Amino acid sequence: VPSPTQAVVTSENFKTVLHWQYPPVPETPHFIVEIKPYNVGYYKIVSTCVNISAHFCDLSREIHDLFSSHWLRVKAVVGSQQSEYVETNEFIFQKHGKIGPPKLNLSRHSDKIVVDIYHPA
């Protein structure tokens, strides 16, 4: 069974997702994702990403320490066979996460300009 490829973590506005590619196979592959926070030191299963058929996993609720290193890995399960895990590069939210610009709304009320600032989506 081939391993997933191109496993990459993206993070924008606190939505953190692991994406990967997988070649077409006759039977539907399912995937298992694990996370290893630096302070824990070992991999643990991401409970929302066990036996999933999607090629992504939302990790937003898994990363609690924004300054600590995390590693992710994913493997494929096809029938009764499993692939080797493929591991991501180190992910640190504070370093790799992106926060988009806030939304601004300008309005004029007689001789005043009102600026409303909203959090990124």
N, C-alpha and C. Protein backbone atom coordinates (compact mmCIF):
# COMPACT_ATOMS: atom_id res chain seq x y z
N VAL A 1 0.86 -1.18 0.00
CA VAL A 1 0.00 0.00 0.00
C VAL A 1 0.90 1.23 0.00
N PRO A 2 0.70 2.16 -0.96
CA PRO A 2 1.55 3.35 -0.97
C PRO A 2 1.25 4.28 0.21
N SER A 3 2.26 4.99 0.63
CA SER A 3 2.09 5.99 1.69
C SER A 3 1.53 7.27 1.09
N PRO A 4 0.83 8.07 1.90
CA PRO A 4 0.42 9.40 1.43
C PRO A 4 1.67 10.22 1.09
N THR A 5 1.49 11.25 0.27
CA THR A 5 2.61 12.12 -0.11
C THR A 5 2.22 13.57 0.13
N GLN A 6 3.22 14.43 0.08
CA GLN A 6 3.03 15.88 0.18
C GLN A 6 2.19 16.29 1.40
N ALA A 7 2.51 15.72 2.55
CA ALA A 7 1.80 16.08 3.79
C ALA A 7 2.28 17.46 4.24
N VAL A 8 1.35 18.41 4.31
CA VAL A 8 1.68 19.79 4.63
C VAL A 8 0.64 20.35 5.60
N VAL A 9 1.11 21.10 6.59
CA VAL A 9 0.22 21.77 7.53
C VAL A 9 0.05 23.22 7.10
N THR A 10 -1.20 23.68 7.03
CA THR A 10 -1.47 25.09 6.78
C THR A 10 -2.27 25.63 7.96
N SER A 11 -2.09 26.89 8.25
CA SER A 11 -2.81 27.49 9.37
C SER A 11 -3.10 28.95 9.06
N GLU A 12 -4.39 29.28 9.02
CA GLU A 12 -4.79 30.65 8.77
C GLU A 12 -5.94 31.00 9.70
N ASN A 13 -5.79 32.11 10.42
CA ASN A 13 -6.81 32.58 11.37
C ASN A 13 -7.24 31.49 12.34
N PHE A 14 -6.24 30.77 12.88
CA PHE A 14 -6.41 29.73 13.89
C PHE A 14 -7.07 28.45 13.36
N LYS A 15 -7.31 28.35 12.07
CA LYS A 15 -7.79 27.10 11.48
C LYS A 15 -6.57 26.37 10.92
N THR A 16 -6.20 25.28 11.58
CA THR A 16 -4.99 24.54 11.25
C THR A 16 -5.39 23.20 10.65
N VAL A 17 -4.88 22.92 9.44
CA VAL A 17 -5.30 21.73 8.69
C VAL A 17 -4.08 21.02 8.11
N LEU A 18 -4.07 19.69 8.22
CA LEU A 18 -3.08 18.85 7.55
C LEU A 18 -3.71 18.37 6.24
N HIS A 19 -2.98 18.58 5.13
CA HIS A 19 -3.42 18.13 3.79
C HIS A 19 -2.40 17.12 3.27
N TRP A 20 -2.86 16.17 2.46
CA TRP A 20 -1.95 15.24 1.81
C TRP A 20 -2.54 14.77 0.49
N GLN A 21 -1.68 14.14 -0.31
CA GLN A 21 -2.08 13.58 -1.59
C GLN A 21 -2.06 12.06 -1.49
N TYR A 22 -2.84 11.41 -2.34
CA TYR A 22 -2.82 9.96 -2.39
C TYR A 22 -3.16 9.50 -3.80
N PRO A 23 -2.41 8.54 -4.33
CA PRO A 23 -2.67 8.10 -5.71
C PRO A 23 -3.97 7.31 -5.79
N PRO A 24 -4.59 7.27 -6.96
CA PRO A 24 -5.82 6.47 -7.12
C PRO A 24 -5.52 4.98 -6.92
N VAL A 25 -6.37 4.33 -6.17
CA VAL A 25 -6.28 2.88 -5.96
C VAL A 25 -7.67 2.29 -6.15
N PRO A 26 -7.77 1.00 -6.49
CA PRO A 26 -9.09 0.40 -6.77
C PRO A 26 -10.06 0.47 -5.59
N GLU A 27 -9.55 0.29 -4.39
CA GLU A 27 -10.40 0.31 -3.20
C GLU A 27 -10.24 1.66 -2.50
N THR A 28 -11.30 2.15 -1.87
CA THR A 28 -11.24 3.47 -1.21
C THR A 28 -10.26 3.43 -0.03
N PRO A 29 -9.25 4.30 -0.07
CA PRO A 29 -8.32 4.36 1.06
C PRO A 29 -8.92 5.15 2.22
N HIS A 30 -8.56 4.77 3.41
CA HIS A 30 -8.90 5.52 4.62
C HIS A 30 -7.60 5.93 5.28
N PHE A 31 -7.67 6.95 6.09
CA PHE A 31 -6.45 7.52 6.64
C PHE A 31 -6.54 7.67 8.16
N ILE A 32 -5.39 7.58 8.80
CA ILE A 32 -5.28 7.77 10.25
C ILE A 32 -4.21 8.84 10.47
N VAL A 33 -4.56 9.85 11.26
CA VAL A 33 -3.65 10.97 11.53
C VAL A 33 -3.25 10.95 13.00
N GLU A 34 -1.97 11.21 13.25
CA GLU A 34 -1.46 11.32 14.61
C GLU A 34 -0.69 12.63 14.77
N ILE A 35 -0.64 13.11 16.01
CA ILE A 35 0.07 14.35 16.33
C ILE A 35 1.05 14.09 17.47
N LYS A 36 2.22 14.74 17.38
CA LYS A 36 3.21 14.64 18.45
C LYS A 36 3.58 16.04 18.91
N PRO A 37 2.99 16.51 20.01
CA PRO A 37 3.42 17.79 20.58
C PRO A 37 4.79 17.61 21.25
N TYR A 38 5.63 18.61 21.15
CA TYR A 38 6.98 18.53 21.73
C TYR A 38 6.93 18.18 23.21
N ASN A 39 6.02 18.84 23.96
CA ASN A 39 6.00 18.64 25.42
C ASN A 39 5.48 17.25 25.81
N VAL A 40 4.78 16.54 24.91
CA VAL A 40 4.32 15.18 25.20
C VAL A 40 5.41 14.18 24.80
N GLY A 41 6.00 14.39 23.62
CA GLY A 41 7.13 13.57 23.21
C GLY A 41 6.79 12.28 22.48
N TYR A 42 5.51 12.01 22.26
CA TYR A 42 5.13 10.82 21.50
C TYR A 42 3.89 11.11 20.68
N TYR A 43 3.66 10.28 19.67
CA TYR A 43 2.49 10.45 18.81
C TYR A 43 1.23 9.94 19.50
N LYS A 44 0.14 10.67 19.30
CA LYS A 44 -1.17 10.20 19.76
C LYS A 44 -2.16 10.40 18.61
N ILE A 45 -3.13 9.53 18.54
CA ILE A 45 -4.12 9.56 17.47
C ILE A 45 -5.00 10.80 17.60
N VAL A 46 -5.29 11.45 16.48
CA VAL A 46 -6.26 12.55 16.42
C VAL A 46 -7.62 11.89 16.25
N SER A 47 -8.43 11.91 17.30
CA SER A 47 -9.66 11.10 17.33
C SER A 47 -10.64 11.46 16.22
N THR A 48 -10.63 12.69 15.74
CA THR A 48 -11.55 13.09 14.66
C THR A 48 -11.03 12.70 13.29
N CYS A 49 -9.83 12.13 13.22
CA CYS A 49 -9.22 11.79 11.93
C CYS A 49 -8.75 10.33 11.92
N VAL A 50 -9.66 9.43 12.28
CA VAL A 50 -9.39 8.00 12.25
C VAL A 50 -10.30 7.37 11.21
N ASN A 51 -9.71 6.62 10.29
CA ASN A 51 -10.47 5.95 9.22
C ASN A 51 -11.30 6.93 8.40
N ILE A 52 -10.71 8.08 8.10
CA ILE A 52 -11.39 9.08 7.27
C ILE A 52 -11.01 8.86 5.81
N SER A 53 -11.90 9.23 4.91
CA SER A 53 -11.59 9.09 3.48
C SER A 53 -11.12 10.41 2.87
N ALA A 54 -11.35 11.53 3.58
CA ALA A 54 -10.88 12.83 3.10
C ALA A 54 -9.36 12.88 3.11
N HIS A 55 -8.79 13.77 2.29
CA HIS A 55 -7.34 13.92 2.22
C HIS A 55 -6.89 15.13 3.03
N PHE A 56 -7.60 15.41 4.12
CA PHE A 56 -7.22 16.49 5.02
C PHE A 56 -7.77 16.18 6.40
N CYS A 57 -7.20 16.85 7.40
CA CYS A 57 -7.63 16.68 8.78
C CYS A 57 -7.53 18.03 9.48
N ASP A 58 -8.63 18.46 10.10
CA ASP A 58 -8.66 19.73 10.84
C ASP A 58 -8.03 19.51 12.22
N LEU A 59 -6.95 20.22 12.48
CA LEU A 59 -6.20 20.08 13.73
C LEU A 59 -6.42 21.26 14.67
N SER A 60 -7.38 22.11 14.36
CA SER A 60 -7.57 23.36 15.11
C SER A 60 -7.74 23.13 16.61
N ARG A 61 -8.37 22.04 16.99
CA ARG A 61 -8.60 21.76 18.42
C ARG A 61 -7.49 20.94 19.05
N GLU A 62 -6.47 20.61 18.26
CA GLU A 62 -5.39 19.75 18.76
C GLU A 62 -4.17 20.52 19.22
N ILE A 63 -4.00 21.75 18.75
CA ILE A 63 -2.79 22.51 19.06
C ILE A 63 -3.13 23.51 20.16
N HIS A 64 -2.60 23.23 21.35
CA HIS A 64 -2.92 24.05 22.52
C HIS A 64 -1.79 25.02 22.87
N ASP A 65 -0.56 24.62 22.59
CA ASP A 65 0.59 25.47 22.89
C ASP A 65 1.06 26.12 21.58
N LEU A 66 0.79 27.40 21.44
CA LEU A 66 1.09 28.10 20.19
C LEU A 66 2.57 28.32 19.96
N PHE A 67 3.40 28.11 20.99
CA PHE A 67 4.84 28.37 20.87
C PHE A 67 5.66 27.09 20.80
N SER A 68 5.00 25.94 20.88
CA SER A 68 5.70 24.66 20.93
C SER A 68 5.70 23.95 19.57
N SER A 69 6.70 23.12 19.36
CA SER A 69 6.81 22.32 18.14
C SER A 69 5.79 21.19 18.14
N HIS A 70 5.26 20.90 16.95
CA HIS A 70 4.36 19.77 16.74
C HIS A 70 4.78 19.07 15.46
N TRP A 71 4.60 17.77 15.43
CA TRP A 71 4.80 17.00 14.22
C TRP A 71 3.51 16.21 13.97
N LEU A 72 3.18 16.04 12.71
CA LEU A 72 1.98 15.30 12.33
C LEU A 72 2.41 14.16 11.42
N ARG A 73 1.65 13.10 11.44
CA ARG A 73 1.90 12.03 10.49
C ARG A 73 0.57 11.39 10.10
N VAL A 74 0.58 10.81 8.89
CA VAL A 74 -0.63 10.21 8.35
C VAL A 74 -0.25 8.92 7.64
N LYS A 75 -1.12 7.92 7.76
CA LYS A 75 -0.91 6.67 7.02
C LYS A 75 -2.22 6.28 6.35
N ALA A 76 -2.09 5.45 5.32
CA ALA A 76 -3.25 4.97 4.57
C ALA A 76 -3.58 3.55 5.00
N VAL A 77 -4.87 3.24 4.98
CA VAL A 77 -5.36 1.89 5.23
C VAL A 77 -6.23 1.53 4.04
N VAL A 78 -5.84 0.46 3.34
CA VAL A 78 -6.61 -0.01 2.19
C VAL A 78 -6.93 -1.48 2.46
N GLY A 79 -8.20 -1.76 2.68
CA GLY A 79 -8.59 -3.12 3.05
C GLY A 79 -7.95 -3.48 4.37
N SER A 80 -7.20 -4.56 4.40
CA SER A 80 -6.55 -4.99 5.65
C SER A 80 -5.08 -4.58 5.68
N GLN A 81 -4.63 -3.83 4.67
CA GLN A 81 -3.23 -3.42 4.61
C GLN A 81 -3.06 -1.96 4.99
N GLN A 82 -1.89 -1.64 5.55
CA GLN A 82 -1.58 -0.27 5.96
C GLN A 82 -0.27 0.17 5.32
N SER A 83 -0.18 1.46 5.08
CA SER A 83 1.08 2.02 4.57
C SER A 83 1.97 2.40 5.73
N GLU A 84 3.18 2.82 5.40
CA GLU A 84 4.04 3.46 6.39
C GLU A 84 3.49 4.87 6.63
N TYR A 85 3.81 5.42 7.79
CA TYR A 85 3.44 6.81 8.06
C TYR A 85 4.31 7.75 7.24
N VAL A 86 3.76 8.90 6.87
CA VAL A 86 4.54 9.98 6.31
C VAL A 86 4.43 11.14 7.30
N GLU A 87 5.57 11.73 7.65
CA GLU A 87 5.62 12.75 8.71
C GLU A 87 5.82 14.12 8.10
N THR A 88 5.20 15.12 8.71
CA THR A 88 5.38 16.51 8.26
C THR A 88 6.67 17.07 8.84
N ASN A 89 7.05 18.21 8.33
CA ASN A 89 8.10 18.99 8.97
C ASN A 89 7.56 19.54 10.28
N GLU A 90 8.44 20.04 11.11
CA GLU A 90 8.05 20.67 12.38
C GLU A 90 7.06 21.81 12.11
N PHE A 91 6.01 21.87 12.92
CA PHE A 91 5.03 22.96 12.82
C PHE A 91 4.97 23.68 14.16
N ILE A 92 5.17 24.98 14.13
CA ILE A 92 5.03 25.84 15.32
C ILE A 92 4.02 26.92 14.94
N PHE A 93 2.89 26.93 15.64
CA PHE A 93 1.82 27.86 15.27
C PHE A 93 2.33 29.30 15.24
N GLN A 94 3.07 29.71 16.26
CA GLN A 94 3.54 31.09 16.37
C GLN A 94 4.44 31.47 15.19
N LYS A 95 5.13 30.48 14.62
CA LYS A 95 6.06 30.73 13.51
C LYS A 95 5.39 30.53 12.15
N HIS A 96 4.57 29.49 12.00
CA HIS A 96 4.02 29.11 10.71
C HIS A 96 2.56 29.52 10.50
N GLY A 97 1.85 29.83 11.57
CA GLY A 97 0.45 30.24 11.45
C GLY A 97 0.33 31.64 10.88
N LYS A 98 -0.70 31.87 10.10
CA LYS A 98 -0.92 33.19 9.50
C LYS A 98 -2.25 33.75 10.02
N ILE A 99 -2.23 35.03 10.28
CA ILE A 99 -3.45 35.74 10.71
C ILE A 99 -3.73 36.78 9.64
N GLY A 100 -4.93 36.71 9.07
CA GLY A 100 -5.31 37.66 8.01
C GLY A 100 -5.59 39.04 8.57
N PRO A 101 -5.72 40.02 7.70
CA PRO A 101 -5.99 41.39 8.15
C PRO A 101 -7.40 41.51 8.70
N PRO A 102 -7.62 42.46 9.60
CA PRO A 102 -8.97 42.67 10.11
C PRO A 102 -9.85 43.30 9.03
N LYS A 103 -11.15 43.20 9.22
CA LYS A 103 -12.10 43.85 8.31
C LYS A 103 -12.38 45.24 8.87
N LEU A 104 -12.37 46.22 8.00
CA LEU A 104 -12.63 47.60 8.42
C LEU A 104 -13.93 48.10 7.79
N ASN A 105 -14.64 48.91 8.53
CA ASN A 105 -15.83 49.56 8.01
C ASN A 105 -15.75 51.03 8.40
N LEU A 106 -15.72 51.90 7.40
CA LEU A 106 -15.67 53.34 7.65
C LEU A 106 -17.03 53.96 7.35
N SER A 107 -17.47 54.86 8.22
CA SER A 107 -18.72 55.58 7.96
C SER A 107 -18.60 57.00 8.52
N ARG A 108 -19.39 57.89 7.94
CA ARG A 108 -19.36 59.28 8.38
C ARG A 108 -20.69 59.62 9.02
N HIS A 109 -20.61 60.22 10.18
CA HIS A 109 -21.81 60.67 10.89
C HIS A 109 -21.61 62.15 11.21
N SER A 110 -22.29 62.98 10.46
CA SER A 110 -22.13 64.45 10.49
C SER A 110 -20.65 64.82 10.39
N ASP A 111 -20.04 65.34 11.44
CA ASP A 111 -18.64 65.78 11.35
C ASP A 111 -17.66 64.75 11.91
N LYS A 112 -18.12 63.49 12.08
CA LYS A 112 -17.25 62.45 12.64
C LYS A 112 -17.09 61.31 11.65
N ILE A 113 -15.91 60.71 11.69
CA ILE A 113 -15.67 59.49 10.93
C ILE A 113 -15.60 58.35 11.94
N VAL A 114 -16.40 57.31 11.69
CA VAL A 114 -16.44 56.15 12.58
C VAL A 114 -15.73 54.99 11.90
N VAL A 115 -14.79 54.40 12.63
CA VAL A 115 -14.05 53.25 12.11
C VAL A 115 -14.42 52.04 12.97
N ASP A 116 -15.03 51.03 12.34
CA ASP A 116 -15.33 49.77 13.00
C ASP A 116 -14.29 48.75 12.54
N ILE A 117 -13.68 48.05 13.48
CA ILE A 117 -12.67 47.04 13.16
C ILE A 117 -13.17 45.70 13.66
N TYR A 118 -13.15 44.70 12.76
CA TYR A 118 -13.63 43.37 13.08
C TYR A 118 -12.48 42.38 12.98
N HIS A 119 -12.52 41.34 13.80
CA HIS A 119 -11.50 40.27 13.74
C HIS A 119 -11.50 39.64 12.37
N PRO A 120 -10.36 39.06 11.96
CA PRO A 120 -10.32 38.33 10.68
C PRO A 120 -11.35 37.20 10.70
N ALA A 121 -11.82 36.82 9.53
CA ALA A 121 -12.84 35.76 9.42
C ALA A 121 -12.35 34.48 10.02
